[in-house]
Amino acid sequence: MDTLLQDLRYAARKLLHAPGFTFVVVATLALAIGATTAIFSIVNGVLLKPLPFQNPEQLVFVASTGRESQTNPMSTPDFIDYRDQSKSFVGMAAIDTRTMNVTSNGSEPARVRAAQVGAQFLDLLGVTAQRGRNFTVGEDKDGAPRVVVLGDGLWRTLYGADPSIVGQQIRLDGEVYTVAGVAPPSLKFPADVDLYIPFVFAPWQLDPRNRGAHSHYAIARVKDG
């Protein structure tokens, strides 16, 4: 230990006598450590850290492929064919995002980012609402009662983490929605989404003649084996 302390004192004296050299060494080390930390954070988040979903290796992202192999949205008729004719998936849920105005209890409208998702979306991810419930089968059909699952961030910032929000009504773009549940804080997909509503296809999207209208993506879960 005494030898180590002597070496450290000697090194400190040498560095103090050459401040320019010391600055270069410290700056180089700082840049190197910072770059290494940043790269590891990216690799850990993208490649090493598992997705916060049940059996994430079974989840797939479904999209159309362009002529140059780029990923593109799919049309609704194509999605329906994939969903109904595939024998490899437990289920498939369409995904799209949009911005909406939310108001409740006479408050001023707030602009939020909403994800339109198939009724199976949360179940396919293996995600359970921390309050209330997930969407149920049929809630993404035309004419079904309007329901919404709030994101954890919006629930805390706009509603003060009030547990009684479940079952209450809010307005999204002027339409009345009943709060079915609150998503867990681990759900960050799609990114930067504030709430989730069932994806109800418009009549023009369902028209088979509109296969060229590519408008949304989907997720699916592969069957065991």
Protein backbone atom coordinates (compact mmCIF):
# COMPACT_ATOMS: atom_id res chain seq x y z
CA MET A 1 0.00 0.00 0.00
CA ASP A 2 2.86 2.40 0.86
CA THR A 3 4.46 1.77 -2.53
CA LEU A 4 1.15 2.48 -4.28
CA LEU A 5 0.73 5.78 -2.42
CA GLN A 6 4.28 6.81 -3.30
CA ASP A 7 3.64 6.04 -6.96
CA LEU A 8 0.42 8.04 -6.93
CA ARG A 9 2.12 11.06 -5.32
CA TYR A 10 4.96 10.86 -7.85
CA ALA A 11 2.50 10.68 -10.76
CA ALA A 12 0.51 13.63 -9.38
CA ARG A 13 3.67 15.78 -9.11
CA LYS A 14 4.66 14.92 -12.69
CA LEU A 15 1.21 15.80 -14.00
CA LEU A 16 1.14 19.11 -12.11
CA HIS A 17 4.46 20.07 -13.69
CA ALA A 18 3.02 19.49 -17.20
CA PRO A 19 -0.51 20.97 -17.15
CA GLY A 20 -0.87 20.90 -20.94
CA PHE A 21 -0.06 17.23 -21.16
CA THR A 22 -2.34 16.56 -18.16
CA PHE A 23 -5.26 18.31 -19.85
CA VAL A 24 -4.81 16.26 -23.04
CA VAL A 25 -4.66 12.99 -21.07
CA VAL A 26 -7.74 13.79 -18.97
CA ALA A 27 -9.72 15.00 -22.01
CA THR A 28 -8.80 11.88 -23.99
CA LEU A 29 -9.82 9.61 -21.13
CA ALA A 30 -13.09 11.50 -20.66
CA LEU A 31 -13.97 11.24 -24.35
CA ALA A 32 -13.05 7.57 -24.49
CA ILE A 33 -15.03 6.67 -21.36
CA GLY A 34 -18.02 8.75 -22.52
CA ALA A 35 -18.03 7.19 -26.00
CA THR A 36 -17.71 3.68 -24.57
CA THR A 37 -20.57 4.29 -22.13
CA ALA A 38 -22.80 5.71 -24.86
CA ILE A 39 -22.14 2.79 -27.22
CA PHE A 40 -22.76 0.25 -24.46
CA SER A 41 -26.04 1.97 -23.54
CA ILE A 42 -27.22 1.68 -27.14
CA VAL A 43 -26.10 -1.93 -27.53
CA ASN A 44 -27.61 -2.86 -24.18
CA GLY A 45 -30.94 -1.24 -24.99
CA VAL A 46 -31.20 -2.56 -28.55
CA LEU A 47 -29.42 -5.93 -28.50
CA LEU A 48 -28.84 -7.18 -24.96
CA LYS A 49 -31.67 -5.98 -22.74
CA PRO A 50 -34.77 -8.14 -23.30
CA LEU A 51 -38.02 -6.47 -24.30
CA PRO A 52 -40.39 -5.99 -21.35
CA PHE A 53 -42.94 -8.39 -22.83
CA GLN A 54 -43.89 -11.99 -22.21
CA ASN A 55 -41.71 -14.35 -24.30
CA PRO A 56 -40.47 -11.49 -26.51
CA GLU A 57 -38.72 -13.91 -28.88
CA GLN A 58 -42.17 -14.92 -30.15
CA LEU A 59 -43.18 -11.38 -31.11
CA VAL A 60 -42.83 -10.20 -34.70
CA PHE A 61 -43.38 -6.88 -36.45
CA VAL A 62 -45.47 -7.25 -39.61
CA ALA A 63 -45.13 -4.89 -42.56
CA SER A 64 -45.05 -4.78 -46.34
CA THR A 65 -41.77 -4.87 -48.24
CA GLY A 66 -41.08 -2.49 -51.11
CA ARG A 67 -39.22 -3.22 -54.31
CA GLU A 68 -35.92 -2.23 -52.69
CA SER A 69 -36.63 -4.30 -49.56
CA GLN A 70 -37.58 -1.25 -47.49
CA THR A 71 -40.22 -1.64 -44.78
CA ASN A 72 -43.57 -0.03 -45.63
CA PRO A 73 -47.03 0.09 -44.06
CA MET A 74 -49.55 -2.45 -45.31
CA SER A 75 -53.08 -2.02 -46.57
CA THR A 76 -56.03 -3.17 -44.48
CA PRO A 77 -57.17 -5.84 -46.99
CA ASP A 78 -53.65 -7.29 -46.93
CA PHE A 79 -53.62 -7.22 -43.12
CA ILE A 80 -56.95 -9.06 -42.98
CA ASP A 81 -55.64 -11.74 -45.34
CA TYR A 82 -52.48 -12.18 -43.28
CA ARG A 83 -54.47 -12.33 -40.04
CA ASP A 84 -57.17 -14.72 -41.25
CA GLN A 85 -55.09 -17.04 -43.42
CA SER A 86 -51.88 -17.38 -41.42
CA LYS A 87 -51.44 -20.60 -39.48
CA SER A 88 -48.20 -19.55 -37.75
CA PHE A 89 -49.54 -16.87 -35.38
CA VAL A 90 -51.55 -16.90 -32.18
CA GLY A 91 -53.03 -13.60 -33.32
CA MET A 92 -52.27 -10.34 -35.08
CA ALA A 93 -53.10 -6.73 -34.19
CA ALA A 94 -52.95 -3.68 -36.43
CA ILE A 95 -51.09 -0.57 -35.21
CA ASP A 96 -51.24 3.07 -36.23
CA THR A 97 -50.61 6.37 -34.45
CA ARG A 98 -52.35 9.73 -34.55
CA THR A 99 -52.68 12.91 -32.51
CA MET A 100 -55.88 13.71 -30.64
CA ASN A 101 -57.30 16.33 -28.27
CA VAL A 102 -58.27 15.01 -24.83
CA THR A 103 -60.61 16.80 -22.40
CA SER A 104 -62.20 15.70 -19.15
CA ASN A 105 -64.28 17.39 -16.45
CA GLY A 106 -64.38 20.65 -18.39
CA SER A 107 -60.59 20.96 -18.54
CA GLU A 108 -58.75 22.67 -21.38
CA PRO A 109 -57.98 20.34 -24.31
CA ALA A 110 -54.55 18.70 -24.26
CA ARG A 111 -52.86 17.44 -27.40
CA VAL A 112 -51.79 13.80 -27.03
CA ARG A 113 -50.36 11.05 -29.21
CA ALA A 114 -52.65 8.05 -29.49
CA ALA A 115 -52.01 4.52 -30.72
CA GLN A 116 -54.82 2.84 -32.59
CA VAL A 117 -54.42 -0.88 -31.94
CA GLY A 118 -56.29 -4.12 -32.51
CA ALA A 119 -58.21 -5.43 -29.53
CA GLN A 120 -55.61 -8.22 -29.06
CA PHE A 121 -52.67 -5.79 -28.91
CA LEU A 122 -52.00 -5.82 -25.15
CA ASP A 123 -52.75 -9.54 -24.83
CA LEU A 124 -50.36 -10.40 -27.66
CA LEU A 125 -47.60 -8.43 -25.95
CA GLY A 126 -48.33 -10.22 -22.69
CA VAL A 127 -49.03 -6.88 -21.00
CA THR A 128 -51.67 -6.52 -18.27
CA ALA A 129 -53.21 -3.17 -17.33
CA GLN A 130 -52.02 -1.94 -13.93
CA ARG A 131 -55.48 -0.51 -13.34
CA GLY A 132 -58.72 -1.70 -14.87
CA ARG A 133 -58.46 -4.07 -17.83
CA ASN A 134 -57.11 -4.64 -21.32
CA PHE A 135 -59.27 -4.32 -24.41
CA THR A 136 -61.67 -7.20 -24.99
CA VAL A 137 -62.56 -9.06 -28.17
CA GLY A 138 -64.87 -7.05 -30.39
CA GLU A 139 -64.02 -3.60 -29.01
CA ASP A 140 -62.25 -2.83 -32.30
CA LYS A 141 -65.41 -3.50 -34.31
CA ASP A 142 -67.52 -0.75 -35.87
CA GLY A 143 -70.32 0.27 -33.52
CA ALA A 144 -68.65 -1.05 -30.35
CA PRO A 145 -68.64 1.26 -27.29
CA ARG A 146 -65.65 3.60 -27.34
CA VAL A 147 -63.03 2.70 -24.74
CA VAL A 148 -59.48 3.90 -24.03
CA VAL A 149 -56.47 2.60 -22.10
CA LEU A 150 -54.39 5.44 -20.71
CA GLY A 151 -50.60 5.36 -20.76
CA ASP A 152 -48.93 5.51 -17.35
CA GLY A 153 -47.34 8.90 -18.08
CA LEU A 154 -50.61 10.57 -19.10
CA TRP A 155 -52.41 9.00 -16.15
CA ARG A 156 -49.91 10.57 -13.77
CA THR A 157 -49.47 13.99 -15.39
CA LEU A 158 -53.03 14.72 -16.50
CA TYR A 159 -55.03 12.78 -13.91
CA GLY A 160 -52.68 12.81 -10.91
CA ALA A 161 -52.49 8.98 -10.85
CA ASP A 162 -56.12 8.92 -9.68
CA PRO A 163 -57.13 5.22 -9.47
CA SER A 164 -60.81 6.14 -9.80
CA ILE A 165 -60.22 7.29 -13.41
CA VAL A 166 -61.09 3.73 -14.51
CA GLY A 167 -64.72 3.71 -15.59
CA GLN A 168 -64.88 7.48 -16.00
CA GLN A 169 -65.53 9.17 -19.32
CA ILE A 170 -63.19 11.48 -21.21
CA ARG A 171 -63.49 13.14 -24.59
CA LEU A 172 -61.09 12.44 -27.45
CA ASP A 173 -61.57 14.76 -30.42
CA GLY A 174 -65.02 15.52 -29.03
CA GLU A 175 -66.13 11.87 -28.80
CA VAL A 176 -66.91 10.25 -25.43
CA TYR A 177 -64.64 7.36 -24.41
CA THR A 178 -64.81 5.26 -21.25
CA VAL A 179 -61.48 4.61 -19.53
CA ALA A 180 -61.11 0.82 -19.50
CA GLY A 181 -57.69 0.73 -17.86
CA VAL A 182 -54.23 2.17 -17.35
CA ALA A 183 -51.20 0.61 -19.05
CA PRO A 184 -48.17 -0.34 -16.93
CA PRO A 185 -45.17 2.03 -16.95
CA SER A 186 -43.08 -0.62 -18.76
CA LEU A 187 -45.19 -0.31 -21.91
CA LYS A 188 -43.28 2.04 -24.24
CA PHE A 189 -44.52 0.70 -27.57
CA PRO A 190 -45.14 2.39 -29.90
CA ALA A 191 -42.74 5.04 -28.63
CA ASP A 192 -43.99 8.30 -27.10
CA VAL A 193 -47.64 7.19 -27.02
CA ASP A 194 -49.94 8.72 -24.40
CA LEU A 195 -52.96 6.44 -24.74
CA TYR A 196 -54.39 3.48 -26.65
CA ILE A 197 -57.73 3.21 -28.47
CA PRO A 198 -59.16 0.30 -30.45
CA PHE A 199 -58.33 0.40 -34.16
CA VAL A 200 -61.72 0.56 -35.90
CA PHE A 201 -61.19 0.30 -39.65
CA ALA A 202 -62.96 2.87 -41.81
CA PRO A 203 -65.13 1.54 -44.66
CA TRP A 204 -62.68 2.82 -47.27
CA GLN A 205 -59.87 0.87 -45.60
CA LEU A 206 -61.88 -2.37 -45.79
CA ASP A 207 -62.64 -1.96 -49.50
CA PRO A 208 -60.63 -4.68 -51.37
CA ARG A 209 -60.06 -2.20 -54.19
CA ASN A 210 -57.86 -0.17 -51.82
CA ARG A 211 -54.99 -2.65 -51.50
CA GLY A 212 -52.74 0.13 -52.70
CA ALA A 213 -53.61 2.31 -49.70
CA HIS A 214 -50.83 1.32 -47.31
CA SER A 215 -51.67 2.92 -43.98
CA HIS A 216 -50.60 0.85 -40.94
CA TYR A 217 -48.35 -1.83 -39.48
CA ALA A 218 -49.09 -4.80 -37.23
CA ILE A 219 -47.62 -7.06 -34.57
CA ALA A 220 -48.14 -10.79 -34.15
CA ARG A 221 -47.14 -13.58 -31.80
CA VAL A 222 -45.76 -16.81 -33.22
CA LYS A 223 -47.31 -20.04 -31.96
CA ASP A 224 -45.27 -22.34 -29.74
CA GLY A 225 -43.06 -24.57 -31.86
